[in-house]
Every structure is written in structure tokens, then in C-alpha cells.
Protein backbone atom coordinates (compact mmCIF):
# COMPACT_ATOMS: atom_id res chain seq x y z
CA MET A 1 128.87 111.42 149.72
CA SER A 2 128.97 112.89 146.24
CA SER A 3 128.87 116.57 145.44
CA PRO A 4 126.65 118.26 142.83
CA LEU A 5 129.95 119.24 141.20
CA ASP A 6 130.40 115.56 140.30
CA LEU A 7 127.52 116.00 137.83
CA TYR A 8 129.12 118.85 135.91
CA PRO A 9 128.64 118.94 132.99
CA ILE A 10 125.31 117.16 133.30
CA SER A 11 125.08 116.31 129.60
CA GLU A 12 128.31 114.32 129.84
CA LYS A 13 128.35 112.99 133.39
CA ALA A 14 124.62 112.29 133.85
CA PRO A 15 122.97 112.42 130.41
CA GLU A 16 119.91 110.60 131.75
CA ARG A 17 119.21 113.70 133.86
CA ALA A 18 119.58 116.12 130.94
CA VAL A 19 116.02 116.06 129.67
CA SER A 20 113.87 118.75 128.12
CA ALA A 21 110.61 120.13 129.50
CA SER A 22 108.74 117.33 127.68
CA GLY A 23 111.07 114.71 129.16
CA MET A 24 112.94 114.10 125.91
CA PRO A 25 116.52 112.97 126.51
CA LEU A 26 119.22 115.25 125.16
CA ASP A 27 120.60 112.60 122.82
CA ARG A 28 117.26 112.52 120.93
CA LEU A 29 117.44 116.26 120.18
CA THR A 30 119.12 115.99 116.82
CA LEU A 31 118.94 118.15 113.72
CA ASP A 32 117.37 115.23 111.86
CA ALA A 33 114.65 114.91 114.53
CA ILE A 34 113.92 118.64 114.30
CA VAL A 35 113.81 118.70 110.50
CA SER A 36 111.56 115.63 110.37
CA GLY A 37 109.12 117.16 112.86
CA ARG A 38 109.70 114.59 115.61
CA VAL A 39 110.77 117.42 117.94
CA GLY A 40 108.33 120.07 119.11
CA ALA A 41 108.65 123.31 121.07
CA ASP A 42 108.43 121.62 124.49
CA ASP A 43 111.15 119.22 123.42
CA ILE A 44 113.68 122.04 123.14
CA ARG A 45 112.64 123.93 126.29
CA ILE A 46 114.77 123.36 129.37
CA SER A 47 113.07 121.72 132.31
CA ALA A 48 112.78 123.20 135.78
CA ASP A 49 114.53 120.11 137.13
CA VAL A 50 117.61 120.63 134.96
CA LEU A 51 117.76 124.29 136.00
CA LYS A 52 117.57 123.24 139.66
CA GLN A 53 120.38 120.74 139.08
CA GLN A 54 122.46 123.51 137.49
CA ALA A 55 121.68 125.73 140.51
CA ALA A 56 122.92 123.03 142.89
CA ILE A 57 126.13 122.74 140.86
CA ALA A 58 126.61 126.52 140.89
CA ARG A 59 126.01 126.70 144.64
CA ALA A 60 128.47 123.86 145.28
CA ALA A 61 131.03 125.79 143.22
CA GLY A 62 130.52 128.87 145.40
CA ARG A 63 128.51 130.74 142.74
CA ASP A 64 125.53 131.68 144.93
CA ARG A 65 124.26 134.53 142.73
CA LEU A 66 124.29 132.30 139.66
CA ALA A 67 122.51 129.59 141.66
CA LEU A 68 119.79 132.05 142.69
CA ASN A 69 119.30 133.16 139.09
CA LEU A 70 119.01 129.54 137.95
CA GLU A 71 116.48 128.84 140.72
CA ARG A 72 114.42 131.83 139.62
CA ALA A 73 114.64 130.59 136.02
CA ALA A 74 113.34 127.20 137.19
CA GLU A 75 110.30 128.96 138.66
CA LEU A 76 109.64 130.74 135.37
CA VAL A 77 109.41 127.49 133.39
CA ALA A 78 105.80 127.08 134.59
CA VAL A 79 104.82 130.69 133.84
CA PRO A 80 103.29 131.39 130.42
CA GLN A 81 105.49 133.52 128.17
CA ASP A 82 102.87 136.26 127.79
CA ILE A 83 102.82 136.75 131.57
CA ILE A 84 106.63 136.83 131.69
CA LEU A 85 106.80 139.45 128.93
CA GLU A 86 104.00 141.52 130.44
CA THR A 87 105.73 141.41 133.84
CA TYR A 88 109.02 142.47 132.26
CA GLU A 89 107.27 145.42 130.63
CA MET A 90 105.63 146.35 133.95
CA MET A 91 109.03 146.34 135.67
CA ARG A 92 110.59 148.85 133.32
CA PRO A 93 111.11 152.08 135.30
CA GLY A 94 108.49 154.70 134.54
CA ARG A 95 105.94 152.26 133.07
CA LEU A 96 103.57 152.19 136.04
CA GLN A 97 102.17 155.04 138.11
CA ASP A 98 102.39 153.24 141.42
CA SER A 99 103.39 150.01 143.02
CA ARG A 100 99.99 148.33 143.36
CA LEU A 101 99.95 146.63 139.95
CA LEU A 102 103.47 145.34 140.36
CA SER A 103 102.78 144.11 143.89
CA ALA A 104 99.63 142.39 142.62
CA ARG A 105 101.69 140.72 139.89
CA ALA A 106 104.16 139.43 142.49
CA GLU A 107 101.28 138.01 144.52
CA MET A 108 99.75 136.36 141.42
CA LEU A 109 103.09 134.73 140.55
CA ARG A 110 103.36 133.43 144.12
CA ARG A 111 99.79 132.19 144.30
CA ASP A 112 99.22 130.81 140.79
CA TYR A 113 102.69 129.54 139.87
CA GLY A 114 104.56 129.05 143.15
CA ALA A 115 107.18 131.52 141.90
CA HIS A 116 108.24 132.73 145.34
CA ALA A 117 111.79 133.81 144.44
CA ILE A 118 110.54 135.74 141.39
CA ALA A 119 107.84 137.38 143.50
CA ALA A 120 110.45 138.33 146.11
CA LEU A 121 112.57 139.90 143.37
CA ILE A 122 109.57 141.94 142.20
CA ASP A 123 108.81 143.00 145.80
CA GLU A 124 112.41 144.13 146.13
CA ALA A 125 112.12 146.09 142.87
CA VAL A 126 108.94 147.78 144.12
CA ALA A 127 110.76 148.97 147.25
CA VAL A 128 113.69 150.28 145.19
CA TYR A 129 111.40 151.98 142.63
CA GLU A 130 109.49 153.71 145.43
CA ARG A 131 112.68 154.82 147.16
CA ARG A 132 114.15 156.14 143.90
CA ASN A 133 110.87 157.59 142.62
CA LEU A 134 110.92 155.41 139.50
CA PHE A 135 107.17 155.04 139.16
CA ARG A 136 105.64 157.32 136.55
CA ARG A 137 104.41 160.59 137.95
CA ARG A 138 100.77 161.53 137.60
CA TYR A 139 100.11 164.90 136.02
């Protein structure tokens, strides 16, 4: 049985699996293709599948924390950038007065995007922020 480590680096050992979010193979992402307009924004975005493959490689190499981060990144591929940036801003200590908005955001990410690991990370942050009094105080 083969190990995910046998695929590392994916671009060399399994180039057919190294495709962008649009499904474009890596070998078609050339400077000429970009300059000529044959490559769009989705063509240069990484796919959730490639991130999951990288996570499996990291886990097989004993890099569990890296694997978890790559799995969370795979979840974020489906989330619009404005929601990601807004969530990041919400998570900055002192930005919100209480945990309800952040908890609601975690639930929305779970429900609408299937981003369970990201939502769990936000839930964990809420608990830490409450314990450390990092929500903005009301005056």
C-alpha cells in the first residue's frame, strides 16, 4: 500500500493531481498564458482537493498541526473572501463587545460552507477571549 508521502512533491510525482480551483493543470499555468489572458483568477487559486492532499502528506510525515492548518485552508476555499476578511476582523481581540456575533459567524460557516474545522477554531477563540476578557468592554 502506498503512502501519501509517495506523492510529495505533488507537482513532480503526480502532476495530474496538481490542478487549480478551476481544474487547470499546473503545466498550463505559464507566464505566456497569464499575459495572453488565457488564465483567470480561478486558474491560479489552489483547490480544496490539493490542500487536502497536502494535509494527508503532512500527516503522514508526522506534521499533524500543519495538516490541520491545511485542512482548515481547504475549507476556506469555498468561503467568499469578503466573509473571510470580515471574520478575521471580528476575531481581532477587542473588536467585539461579546461573543454572540463571533459564535453566530462560526455557526454560519458551519451551516453555509461546511467549514466545521474553521468553526471549531472560532468557538475555541470565543472561549479563550471570554476567559481572558478580550471582548471590548461596554462603557
